[in-house]
All heavy atoms as atom14 arrays in JSON, in Angstrom:
{
  "sequence": "EPQNKKAEPEKAEPPKPAEKPKEESRVSDQITYSQRLKQSSHFQKFQS",
  "atom14_mask": [
    [1, 1, 1, 1, 1, 1, 1, 1, 1, 0, 0, 0, 0, 0],
    [1, 1, 1, 1, 1, 1, 1, 0, 0, 0, 0, 0, 0, 0],
    [1, 1, 1, 1, 1, 1, 1, 1, 1, 0, 0, 0, 0, 0],
    [1, 1, 1, 1, 1, 1, 1, 1, 0, 0, 0, 0, 0, 0],
    [1, 1, 1, 1, 1, 1, 1, 1, 1, 0, 0, 0, 0, 0],
    [1, 1, 1, 1, 1, 1, 1, 1, 1, 0, 0, 0, 0, 0],
    [1, 1, 1, 1, 1, 0, 0, 0, 0, 0, 0, 0, 0, 0],
    [1, 1, 1, 1, 1, 1, 1, 1, 1, 0, 0, 0, 0, 0],
    [1, 1, 1, 1, 1, 1, 1, 0, 0, 0, 0, 0, 0, 0],
    [1, 1, 1, 1, 1, 1, 1, 1, 1, 0, 0, 0, 0, 0],
    [1, 1, 1, 1, 1, 1, 1, 1, 1, 0, 0, 0, 0, 0],
    [1, 1, 1, 1, 1, 0, 0, 0, 0, 0, 0, 0, 0, 0],
    [1, 1, 1, 1, 1, 1, 1, 1, 1, 0, 0, 0, 0, 0],
    [1, 1, 1, 1, 1, 1, 1, 0, 0, 0, 0, 0, 0, 0],
    [1, 1, 1, 1, 1, 1, 1, 0, 0, 0, 0, 0, 0, 0],
    [1, 1, 1, 1, 1, 1, 1, 1, 1, 0, 0, 0, 0, 0],
    [1, 1, 1, 1, 1, 1, 1, 0, 0, 0, 0, 0, 0, 0],
    [1, 1, 1, 1, 1, 0, 0, 0, 0, 0, 0, 0, 0, 0],
    [1, 1, 1, 1, 1, 1, 1, 1, 1, 0, 0, 0, 0, 0],
    [1, 1, 1, 1, 1, 1, 1, 1, 1, 0, 0, 0, 0, 0],
    [1, 1, 1, 1, 1, 1, 1, 0, 0, 0, 0, 0, 0, 0],
    [1, 1, 1, 1, 1, 1, 1, 1, 1, 0, 0, 0, 0, 0],
    [1, 1, 1, 1, 1, 1, 1, 1, 1, 0, 0, 0, 0, 0],
    [1, 1, 1, 1, 1, 1, 1, 1, 1, 0, 0, 0, 0, 0],
    [1, 1, 1, 1, 1, 1, 0, 0, 0, 0, 0, 0, 0, 0],
    [1, 1, 1, 1, 1, 1, 1, 1, 1, 1, 1, 0, 0, 0],
    [1, 1, 1, 1, 1, 1, 1, 0, 0, 0, 0, 0, 0, 0],
    [1, 1, 1, 1, 1, 1, 0, 0, 0, 0, 0, 0, 0, 0],
    [1, 1, 1, 1, 1, 1, 1, 1, 0, 0, 0, 0, 0, 0],
    [1, 1, 1, 1, 1, 1, 1, 1, 1, 0, 0, 0, 0, 0],
    [1, 1, 1, 1, 1, 1, 1, 1, 0, 0, 0, 0, 0, 0],
    [1, 1, 1, 1, 1, 1, 1, 0, 0, 0, 0, 0, 0, 0],
    [1, 1, 1, 1, 1, 1, 1, 1, 1, 1, 1, 1, 0, 0],
    [1, 1, 1, 1, 1, 1, 0, 0, 0, 0, 0, 0, 0, 0],
    [1, 1, 1, 1, 1, 1, 1, 1, 1, 0, 0, 0, 0, 0],
    [1, 1, 1, 1, 1, 1, 1, 1, 1, 1, 1, 0, 0, 0],
    [1, 1, 1, 1, 1, 1, 1, 1, 0, 0, 0, 0, 0, 0],
    [1, 1, 1, 1, 1, 1, 1, 1, 1, 0, 0, 0, 0, 0],
    [1, 1, 1, 1, 1, 1, 1, 1, 1, 0, 0, 0, 0, 0],
    [1, 1, 1, 1, 1, 1, 0, 0, 0, 0, 0, 0, 0, 0],
    [1, 1, 1, 1, 1, 1, 0, 0, 0, 0, 0, 0, 0, 0],
    [1, 1, 1, 1, 1, 1, 1, 1, 1, 1, 0, 0, 0, 0],
    [1, 1, 1, 1, 1, 1, 1, 1, 1, 1, 1, 0, 0, 0],
    [1, 1, 1, 1, 1, 1, 1, 1, 1, 0, 0, 0, 0, 0],
    [1, 1, 1, 1, 1, 1, 1, 1, 1, 0, 0, 0, 0, 0],
    [1, 1, 1, 1, 1, 1, 1, 1, 1, 1, 1, 0, 0, 0],
    [1, 1, 1, 1, 1, 1, 1, 1, 1, 0, 0, 0, 0, 0],
    [1, 1, 1, 1, 1, 1, 0, 0, 0, 0, 0, 0, 0, 0]
  ],
  "atom14_positions": [
    [[-71.91, -16.03, 87.17], [-72.52, -17.34, 87.13], [-71.77, -18.23, 86.15], [-71.31, -17.78, 85.09], [-73.99, -17.23, 86.69], [-74.83, -16.48, 87.73], [-76.28, -16.41, 87.3], [-76.61, -17.02, 86.25], [-77.06, -15.77, 88.0], [0.0, 0.0, 0.0], [0.0, 0.0, 0.0], [0.0, 0.0, 0.0], [0.0, 0.0, 0.0], [0.0, 0.0, 0.0]],
    [[-71.58, -19.49, 86.46], [-70.75, -20.38, 85.63], [-71.18, -20.44, 84.18], [-70.36, -20.48, 83.28], [-70.92, -21.75, 86.31], [-71.35, -21.44, 87.71], [-72.13, -20.18, 87.63], [0.0, 0.0, 0.0], [0.0, 0.0, 0.0], [0.0, 0.0, 0.0], [0.0, 0.0, 0.0], [0.0, 0.0, 0.0], [0.0, 0.0, 0.0], [0.0, 0.0, 0.0]],
    [[-72.52, -20.48, 83.92], [-72.93, -20.66, 82.55], [-72.82, -19.4, 81.72], [-73.0, -19.42, 80.49], [-74.4, -21.18, 82.5], [-75.42, -20.15, 83.0], [-75.64, -20.29, 84.49], [-74.74, -20.74, 85.19], [-76.82, -19.92, 84.96], [0.0, 0.0, 0.0], [0.0, 0.0, 0.0], [0.0, 0.0, 0.0], [0.0, 0.0, 0.0], [0.0, 0.0, 0.0]],
    [[-72.54, -18.31, 82.31], [-72.47, -17.05, 81.56], [-71.05, -16.52, 81.63], [-70.72, -15.75, 82.49], [-73.46, -16.05, 82.17], [-73.57, -14.79, 81.32], [-73.0, -14.76, 80.23], [-74.29, -13.8, 81.81], [0.0, 0.0, 0.0], [0.0, 0.0, 0.0], [0.0, 0.0, 0.0], [0.0, 0.0, 0.0], [0.0, 0.0, 0.0], [0.0, 0.0, 0.0]],
    [[-70.21, -16.98, 80.7], [-68.81, -16.6, 80.74], [-68.58, -15.21, 80.21], [-67.59, -14.58, 80.51], [-67.97, -17.61, 79.96], [-67.96, -18.98, 80.59], [-67.02, -19.9, 79.86], [-66.99, -21.27, 80.51], [-66.09, -22.19, 79.84], [0.0, 0.0, 0.0], [0.0, 0.0, 0.0], [0.0, 0.0, 0.0], [0.0, 0.0, 0.0], [0.0, 0.0, 0.0]],
    [[-69.5, -14.7, 79.36], [-69.35, -13.35, 78.85], [-69.77, -12.37, 79.92], [-70.85, -12.48, 80.47], [-70.23, -13.15, 77.62], [-69.59, -13.62, 76.33], [-70.4, -13.15, 75.14], [-69.7, -13.53, 73.84], [-70.47, -13.02, 72.7], [0.0, 0.0, 0.0], [0.0, 0.0, 0.0], [0.0, 0.0, 0.0], [0.0, 0.0, 0.0], [0.0, 0.0, 0.0]],
    [[-68.88, -11.47, 80.18], [-69.2, -10.46, 81.19], [-70.28, -9.53, 80.66], [-70.15, -9.0, 79.57], [-67.96, -9.65, 81.55], [0.0, 0.0, 0.0], [0.0, 0.0, 0.0], [0.0, 0.0, 0.0], [0.0, 0.0, 0.0], [0.0, 0.0, 0.0], [0.0, 0.0, 0.0], [0.0, 0.0, 0.0], [0.0, 0.0, 0.0], [0.0, 0.0, 0.0]],
    [[-71.32, -9.4, 81.41], [-72.39, -8.5, 80.99], [-71.92, -7.06, 81.12], [-71.15, -6.73, 82.01], [-73.62, -8.72, 81.87], [-74.25, -10.08, 81.67], [-75.51, -10.22, 82.5], [-75.88, -9.23, 83.16], [-76.09, -11.29, 82.48], [0.0, 0.0, 0.0], [0.0, 0.0, 0.0], [0.0, 0.0, 0.0], [0.0, 0.0, 0.0], [0.0, 0.0, 0.0]],
    [[-72.37, -6.21, 80.22], [-71.97, -4.82, 80.32], [-72.44, -4.22, 81.62], [-73.52, -4.52, 82.11], [-72.66, -4.16, 79.11], [-73.79, -5.07, 78.76], [-73.31, -6.45, 79.1], [0.0, 0.0, 0.0], [0.0, 0.0, 0.0], [0.0, 0.0, 0.0], [0.0, 0.0, 0.0], [0.0, 0.0, 0.0], [0.0, 0.0, 0.0], [0.0, 0.0, 0.0]],
    [[-71.56, -3.39, 82.2], [-71.89, -2.76, 83.46], [-73.05, -1.79, 83.26], [-73.15, -1.13, 82.23], [-70.68, -2.01, 84.02], [-69.53, -2.92, 84.39], [-68.39, -2.13, 84.98], [-68.51, -0.9, 85.06], [-67.38, -2.75, 85.33], [0.0, 0.0, 0.0], [0.0, 0.0, 0.0], [0.0, 0.0, 0.0], [0.0, 0.0, 0.0], [0.0, 0.0, 0.0]],
    [[-73.89, -1.73, 84.26], [-75.0, -0.8, 84.18], [-74.47, 0.62, 84.24], [-73.58, 0.93, 85.03], [-75.95, -1.04, 85.35], [-76.68, -2.37, 85.26], [-77.65, -2.53, 86.41], [-78.38, -3.85, 86.31], [-79.32, -4.04, 87.43], [0.0, 0.0, 0.0], [0.0, 0.0, 0.0], [0.0, 0.0, 0.0], [0.0, 0.0, 0.0], [0.0, 0.0, 0.0]],
    [[-75.04, 1.45, 83.41], [-74.59, 2.84, 83.38], [-74.92, 3.52, 84.69], [-76.02, 3.36, 85.23], [-75.27, 3.57, 82.22], [0.0, 0.0, 0.0], [0.0, 0.0, 0.0], [0.0, 0.0, 0.0], [0.0, 0.0, 0.0], [0.0, 0.0, 0.0], [0.0, 0.0, 0.0], [0.0, 0.0, 0.0], [0.0, 0.0, 0.0], [0.0, 0.0, 0.0]],
    [[-73.95, 4.22, 85.23], [-74.17, 4.96, 86.46], [-75.0, 6.2, 86.16], [-74.87, 6.81, 85.09], [-72.85, 5.36, 87.09], [-72.05, 4.18, 87.56], [-70.77, 4.63, 88.23], [-70.58, 5.86, 88.34], [-70.0, 3.76, 88.62], [0.0, 0.0, 0.0], [0.0, 0.0, 0.0], [0.0, 0.0, 0.0], [0.0, 0.0, 0.0], [0.0, 0.0, 0.0]],
    [[-75.86, 6.61, 87.09], [-76.63, 7.83, 86.88], [-75.69, 9.01, 86.79], [-74.62, 9.02, 87.4], [-77.52, 7.91, 88.13], [-76.83, 7.06, 89.14], [-76.13, 5.98, 88.38], [0.0, 0.0, 0.0], [0.0, 0.0, 0.0], [0.0, 0.0, 0.0], [0.0, 0.0, 0.0], [0.0, 0.0, 0.0], [0.0, 0.0, 0.0], [0.0, 0.0, 0.0]],
    [[-76.07, 10.02, 86.01], [-75.2, 11.19, 85.87], [-74.98, 11.87, 87.21], [-75.88, 11.92, 88.05], [-75.99, 12.1, 84.91], [-77.41, 11.62, 85.0], [-77.32, 10.16, 85.27], [0.0, 0.0, 0.0], [0.0, 0.0, 0.0], [0.0, 0.0, 0.0], [0.0, 0.0, 0.0], [0.0, 0.0, 0.0], [0.0, 0.0, 0.0], [0.0, 0.0, 0.0]],
    [[-73.76, 12.34, 87.42], [-73.43, 13.01, 88.67], [-73.96, 14.44, 88.64], [-73.87, 15.12, 87.62], [-71.91, 13.03, 88.88], [-71.34, 11.64, 89.01], [-69.84, 11.72, 89.22], [-69.25, 10.33, 89.35], [-67.8, 10.35, 89.52], [0.0, 0.0, 0.0], [0.0, 0.0, 0.0], [0.0, 0.0, 0.0], [0.0, 0.0, 0.0], [0.0, 0.0, 0.0]],
    [[-74.49, 14.9, 89.76], [-75.02, 16.26, 89.79], [-73.91, 17.27, 89.53], [-72.76, 17.08, 89.93], [-75.54, 16.4, 91.23], [-75.49, 15.06, 91.83], [-74.61, 14.2, 91.0], [0.0, 0.0, 0.0], [0.0, 0.0, 0.0], [0.0, 0.0, 0.0], [0.0, 0.0, 0.0], [0.0, 0.0, 0.0], [0.0, 0.0, 0.0], [0.0, 0.0, 0.0]],
    [[-74.28, 18.33, 88.87], [-73.3, 19.38, 88.58], [-72.89, 20.06, 89.86], [-73.66, 20.16, 90.81], [-73.92, 20.39, 87.61], [0.0, 0.0, 0.0], [0.0, 0.0, 0.0], [0.0, 0.0, 0.0], [0.0, 0.0, 0.0], [0.0, 0.0, 0.0], [0.0, 0.0, 0.0], [0.0, 0.0, 0.0], [0.0, 0.0, 0.0], [0.0, 0.0, 0.0]],
    [[-71.66, 20.54, 89.89], [-71.07, 21.34, 90.98], [-70.77, 20.51, 92.22], [-69.76, 20.67, 92.85], [-71.98, 22.51, 91.39], [-72.31, 23.46, 90.26], [-71.06, 24.12, 89.71], [-70.12, 24.34, 90.48], [-71.02, 24.4, 88.5], [0.0, 0.0, 0.0], [0.0, 0.0, 0.0], [0.0, 0.0, 0.0], [0.0, 0.0, 0.0], [0.0, 0.0, 0.0]],
    [[-71.65, 19.59, 92.6], [-71.53, 18.89, 93.87], [-70.32, 17.98, 93.98], [-69.66, 17.94, 95.0], [-72.8, 18.11, 94.14], [-73.0, 17.73, 95.59], [-74.37, 17.1, 95.77], [-74.59, 16.72, 97.23], [-75.88, 16.08, 97.43], [0.0, 0.0, 0.0], [0.0, 0.0, 0.0], [0.0, 0.0, 0.0], [0.0, 0.0, 0.0], [0.0, 0.0, 0.0]],
    [[-69.99, 17.19, 92.94], [-68.92, 16.19, 93.08], [-67.61, 16.78, 93.51], [-66.85, 16.15, 94.22], [-68.82, 15.59, 91.68], [-70.11, 15.87, 91.02], [-70.59, 17.15, 91.61], [0.0, 0.0, 0.0], [0.0, 0.0, 0.0], [0.0, 0.0, 0.0], [0.0, 0.0, 0.0], [0.0, 0.0, 0.0], [0.0, 0.0, 0.0], [0.0, 0.0, 0.0]],
    [[-67.3, 18.02, 93.08], [-66.0, 18.62, 93.41], [-65.81, 18.7, 94.91], [-64.8, 18.3, 95.46], [-65.93, 20.0, 92.78], [-64.54, 20.57, 92.73], [-64.53, 21.85, 91.93], [-63.11, 22.36, 91.77], [-63.06, 23.58, 90.98], [0.0, 0.0, 0.0], [0.0, 0.0, 0.0], [0.0, 0.0, 0.0], [0.0, 0.0, 0.0], [0.0, 0.0, 0.0]],
    [[-66.84, 19.2, 95.62], [-66.73, 19.36, 97.06], [-66.73, 18.0, 97.74], [-66.0, 17.75, 98.69], [-67.9, 20.21, 97.55], [-67.59, 20.97, 98.83], [-66.4, 21.88, 98.68], [-66.45, 22.85, 97.94], [-65.39, 21.58, 99.34], [0.0, 0.0, 0.0], [0.0, 0.0, 0.0], [0.0, 0.0, 0.0], [0.0, 0.0, 0.0], [0.0, 0.0, 0.0]],
    [[-67.6, 17.07, 97.21], [-67.67, 15.75, 97.83], [-66.35, 15.02, 97.71], [-65.91, 14.33, 98.62], [-68.77, 14.92, 97.17], [-70.17, 15.36, 97.61], [-71.24, 14.53, 96.94], [-70.91, 13.82, 95.98], [-72.4, 14.59, 97.38], [0.0, 0.0, 0.0], [0.0, 0.0, 0.0], [0.0, 0.0, 0.0], [0.0, 0.0, 0.0], [0.0, 0.0, 0.0]],
    [[-65.67, 15.17, 96.58], [-64.41, 14.47, 96.38], [-63.36, 15.0, 97.33], [-62.49, 14.27, 97.77], [-63.94, 14.63, 94.93], [-63.61, 15.97, 94.66], [0.0, 0.0, 0.0], [0.0, 0.0, 0.0], [0.0, 0.0, 0.0], [0.0, 0.0, 0.0], [0.0, 0.0, 0.0], [0.0, 0.0, 0.0], [0.0, 0.0, 0.0], [0.0, 0.0, 0.0]],
    [[-63.46, 16.29, 97.7], [-62.48, 16.84, 98.63], [-62.68, 16.27, 100.02], [-61.73, 15.97, 100.73], [-62.61, 18.37, 98.66], [-62.13, 19.03, 97.38], [-62.46, 20.5, 97.37], [-62.15, 21.09, 96.07], [-62.53, 22.3, 95.7], [-63.25, 23.04, 96.52], [-62.2, 22.78, 94.52], [0.0, 0.0, 0.0], [0.0, 0.0, 0.0], [0.0, 0.0, 0.0]],
    [[-63.95, 16.14, 100.43], [-64.21, 15.52, 101.72], [-63.75, 14.08, 101.71], [-63.17, 13.57, 102.66], [-65.73, 15.61, 102.05], [-66.03, 14.87, 103.33], [-66.16, 17.07, 102.15], [0.0, 0.0, 0.0], [0.0, 0.0, 0.0], [0.0, 0.0, 0.0], [0.0, 0.0, 0.0], [0.0, 0.0, 0.0], [0.0, 0.0, 0.0], [0.0, 0.0, 0.0]],
    [[-63.98, 13.38, 100.57], [-63.5, 12.0, 100.43], [-61.99, 11.94, 100.54], [-61.44, 11.02, 101.14], [-63.96, 11.43, 99.09], [-63.45, 10.13, 98.91], [0.0, 0.0, 0.0], [0.0, 0.0, 0.0], [0.0, 0.0, 0.0], [0.0, 0.0, 0.0], [0.0, 0.0, 0.0], [0.0, 0.0, 0.0], [0.0, 0.0, 0.0], [0.0, 0.0, 0.0]],
    [[-61.29, 12.95, 99.96], [-59.84, 12.99, 100.07], [-59.42, 13.05, 101.53], [-58.46, 12.43, 101.95], [-59.28, 14.21, 99.34], [-59.34, 14.02, 97.83], [-59.5, 12.87, 97.4], [-59.23, 15.02, 97.1], [0.0, 0.0, 0.0], [0.0, 0.0, 0.0], [0.0, 0.0, 0.0], [0.0, 0.0, 0.0], [0.0, 0.0, 0.0], [0.0, 0.0, 0.0]],
    [[-60.18, 13.83, 102.34], [-59.86, 13.95, 103.75], [-59.98, 12.6, 104.45], [-59.13, 12.2, 105.23], [-60.8, 14.95, 104.42], [-60.56, 15.06, 105.93], [-61.79, 15.56, 106.65], [-62.83, 15.77, 106.04], [-61.68, 15.74, 107.93], [0.0, 0.0, 0.0], [0.0, 0.0, 0.0], [0.0, 0.0, 0.0], [0.0, 0.0, 0.0], [0.0, 0.0, 0.0]],
    [[-61.07, 11.86, 104.14], [-61.3, 10.58, 104.78], [-60.21, 9.59, 104.37], [-59.6, 8.93, 105.21], [-62.68, 10.05, 104.39], [-63.76, 10.99, 104.92], [-62.89, 8.64, 104.92], [-65.15, 10.69, 104.4], [0.0, 0.0, 0.0], [0.0, 0.0, 0.0], [0.0, 0.0, 0.0], [0.0, 0.0, 0.0], [0.0, 0.0, 0.0], [0.0, 0.0, 0.0]],
    [[-59.93, 9.49, 103.09], [-58.99, 8.49, 102.63], [-57.56, 8.82, 103.03], [-56.74, 7.93, 103.15], [-59.07, 8.33, 101.1], [-58.83, 9.59, 100.48], [-60.42, 7.8, 100.68], [0.0, 0.0, 0.0], [0.0, 0.0, 0.0], [0.0, 0.0, 0.0], [0.0, 0.0, 0.0], [0.0, 0.0, 0.0], [0.0, 0.0, 0.0], [0.0, 0.0, 0.0]],
    [[-57.25, 10.1, 103.27], [-55.91, 10.43, 103.76], [-55.68, 9.8, 105.12], [-54.65, 9.17, 105.37], [-55.73, 11.96, 103.86], [-54.48, 12.32, 104.65], [-53.22, 12.23, 104.07], [-54.58, 12.7, 105.98], [-52.08, 12.52, 104.79], [-53.43, 13.0, 106.71], [-52.19, 12.91, 106.11], [-51.07, 13.2, 106.83], [0.0, 0.0, 0.0], [0.0, 0.0, 0.0]],
    [[-56.66, 9.96, 106.0], [-56.52, 9.36, 107.33], [-56.43, 7.85, 107.24], [-55.63, 7.22, 107.93], [-57.73, 9.76, 108.2], [-57.65, 9.16, 109.46], [0.0, 0.0, 0.0], [0.0, 0.0, 0.0], [0.0, 0.0, 0.0], [0.0, 0.0, 0.0], [0.0, 0.0, 0.0], [0.0, 0.0, 0.0], [0.0, 0.0, 0.0], [0.0, 0.0, 0.0]],
    [[-57.23, 7.25, 106.35], [-57.18, 5.81, 106.2], [-55.85, 5.36, 105.61], [-55.29, 4.35, 106.04], [-58.34, 5.36, 105.31], [-59.7, 5.5, 105.99], [-60.85, 5.18, 105.06], [-60.71, 5.29, 103.84], [-61.98, 4.82, 105.61], [0.0, 0.0, 0.0], [0.0, 0.0, 0.0], [0.0, 0.0, 0.0], [0.0, 0.0, 0.0], [0.0, 0.0, 0.0]],
    [[-55.37, 6.12, 104.62], [-54.08, 5.75, 104.02], [-52.97, 5.85, 105.06], [-52.08, 5.0, 105.11], [-53.77, 6.67, 102.83], [-54.57, 6.37, 101.59], [-53.93, 7.02, 100.36], [-53.79, 8.45, 100.52], [-54.72, 9.35, 100.2], [-55.89, 8.94, 99.71], [-54.51, 10.64, 100.36], [0.0, 0.0, 0.0], [0.0, 0.0, 0.0], [0.0, 0.0, 0.0]],
    [[-53.04, 6.89, 105.9], [-52.03, 7.04, 106.95], [-52.05, 5.84, 107.89], [-51.02, 5.25, 108.2], [-52.27, 8.33, 107.73], [-51.34, 8.58, 108.93], [-49.9, 8.78, 108.46], [-51.8, 9.78, 109.73], [0.0, 0.0, 0.0], [0.0, 0.0, 0.0], [0.0, 0.0, 0.0], [0.0, 0.0, 0.0], [0.0, 0.0, 0.0], [0.0, 0.0, 0.0]],
    [[-53.26, 5.46, 108.32], [-53.39, 4.36, 109.27], [-53.0, 3.01, 108.67], [-52.62, 2.1, 109.39], [-54.83, 4.3, 109.8], [-55.18, 5.49, 110.69], [-56.62, 5.43, 111.14], [-56.96, 6.61, 112.01], [-58.36, 6.61, 112.47], [0.0, 0.0, 0.0], [0.0, 0.0, 0.0], [0.0, 0.0, 0.0], [0.0, 0.0, 0.0], [0.0, 0.0, 0.0]],
    [[-53.11, 2.9, 107.35], [-52.78, 1.63, 106.69], [-51.31, 1.56, 106.27], [-50.84, 0.51, 105.85], [-53.67, 1.44, 105.47], [-55.13, 1.2, 105.83], [-56.05, 1.25, 104.63], [-55.59, 1.42, 103.49], [-57.34, 1.14, 104.86], [0.0, 0.0, 0.0], [0.0, 0.0, 0.0], [0.0, 0.0, 0.0], [0.0, 0.0, 0.0], [0.0, 0.0, 0.0]],
    [[-50.59, 2.68, 106.41], [-49.2, 2.7, 105.98], [-48.32, 1.93, 106.95], [-48.61, 1.84, 108.15], [-48.69, 4.15, 105.88], [-48.67, 4.76, 107.16], [0.0, 0.0, 0.0], [0.0, 0.0, 0.0], [0.0, 0.0, 0.0], [0.0, 0.0, 0.0], [0.0, 0.0, 0.0], [0.0, 0.0, 0.0], [0.0, 0.0, 0.0], [0.0, 0.0, 0.0]],
    [[-47.24, 1.37, 106.45], [-46.36, 0.54, 107.28], [-45.68, 1.36, 108.36], [-45.5, 0.88, 109.48], [-45.31, -0.15, 106.4], [-44.54, 0.8, 105.68], [0.0, 0.0, 0.0], [0.0, 0.0, 0.0], [0.0, 0.0, 0.0], [0.0, 0.0, 0.0], [0.0, 0.0, 0.0], [0.0, 0.0, 0.0], [0.0, 0.0, 0.0], [0.0, 0.0, 0.0]],
    [[-45.29, 2.63, 108.05], [-44.6, 3.41, 109.07], [-45.54, 3.81, 110.2], [-45.14, 3.91, 111.36], [-43.93, 4.65, 108.46], [-44.87, 5.68, 107.93], [-45.49, 5.56, 106.71], [-45.29, 6.86, 108.44], [-46.25, 6.61, 106.5], [-46.16, 7.42, 107.53], [0.0, 0.0, 0.0], [0.0, 0.0, 0.0], [0.0, 0.0, 0.0], [0.0, 0.0, 0.0]],
    [[-46.85, 4.0, 109.89], [-47.82, 4.3, 110.94], [-48.05, 3.07, 111.81], [-48.12, 3.16, 113.04], [-49.14, 4.78, 110.33], [-50.18, 5.12, 111.36], [-50.12, 6.32, 112.06], [-51.23, 4.25, 111.64], [-51.07, 6.64, 113.03], [-52.19, 4.57, 112.59], [-52.11, 5.77, 113.28], [0.0, 0.0, 0.0], [0.0, 0.0, 0.0], [0.0, 0.0, 0.0]],
    [[-48.17, 1.91, 111.18], [-48.4, 0.69, 111.94], [-47.19, 0.35, 112.82], [-47.35, -0.15, 113.93], [-48.73, -0.46, 110.98], [-50.08, -0.26, 110.3], [-50.42, -1.35, 109.3], [-49.82, -2.41, 109.32], [-51.38, -1.07, 108.43], [0.0, 0.0, 0.0], [0.0, 0.0, 0.0], [0.0, 0.0, 0.0], [0.0, 0.0, 0.0], [0.0, 0.0, 0.0]],
    [[-45.98, 0.67, 112.32], [-44.78, 0.46, 113.16], [-44.82, 1.41, 114.35], [-44.51, 1.02, 115.49], [-43.53, 0.74, 112.3], [-42.21, 0.7, 113.08], [-41.92, -0.69, 113.64], [-40.49, -0.85, 114.13], [-40.11, 0.08, 115.2], [0.0, 0.0, 0.0], [0.0, 0.0, 0.0], [0.0, 0.0, 0.0], [0.0, 0.0, 0.0], [0.0, 0.0, 0.0]],
    [[-45.22, 2.67, 114.1], [-45.33, 3.63, 115.2], [-46.37, 3.17, 116.21], [-46.16, 3.24, 117.42], [-45.7, 5.01, 114.65], [-45.75, 6.09, 115.69], [-44.61, 6.8, 116.02], [-46.94, 6.41, 116.32], [-44.65, 7.81, 116.98], [-46.99, 7.41, 117.29], [-45.84, 8.11, 117.62], [0.0, 0.0, 0.0], [0.0, 0.0, 0.0], [0.0, 0.0, 0.0]],
    [[-47.51, 2.66, 115.72], [-48.55, 2.16, 116.6], [-48.04, 1.02, 117.49], [-48.33, 0.97, 118.69], [-49.75, 1.65, 115.79], [-50.64, 2.76, 115.25], [-51.83, 2.19, 114.55], [-51.69, 1.29, 113.72], [-53.02, 2.68, 114.84], [0.0, 0.0, 0.0], [0.0, 0.0, 0.0], [0.0, 0.0, 0.0], [0.0, 0.0, 0.0], [0.0, 0.0, 0.0]],
    [[-47.31, 0.12, 116.87], [-46.77, -1.01, 117.62], [-45.8, -0.53, 118.71], [-45.89, -0.96, 119.86], [-46.06, -1.97, 116.66], [-45.5, -3.05, 117.35], [0.0, 0.0, 0.0], [0.0, 0.0, 0.0], [0.0, 0.0, 0.0], [0.0, 0.0, 0.0], [0.0, 0.0, 0.0], [0.0, 0.0, 0.0], [0.0, 0.0, 0.0], [0.0, 0.0, 0.0]]
  ]
}
């Protein structure tokens, strides 16, 4: 907002559950690999 030039501190994120994030991050790696491939210039050239 214009009148509030000082950035308010970010709200603290809730603590991540133990054990779970490791597996979730691996699945996320799988998703983002495919997305990174599709967004790469050599893939888009191949698509074209």
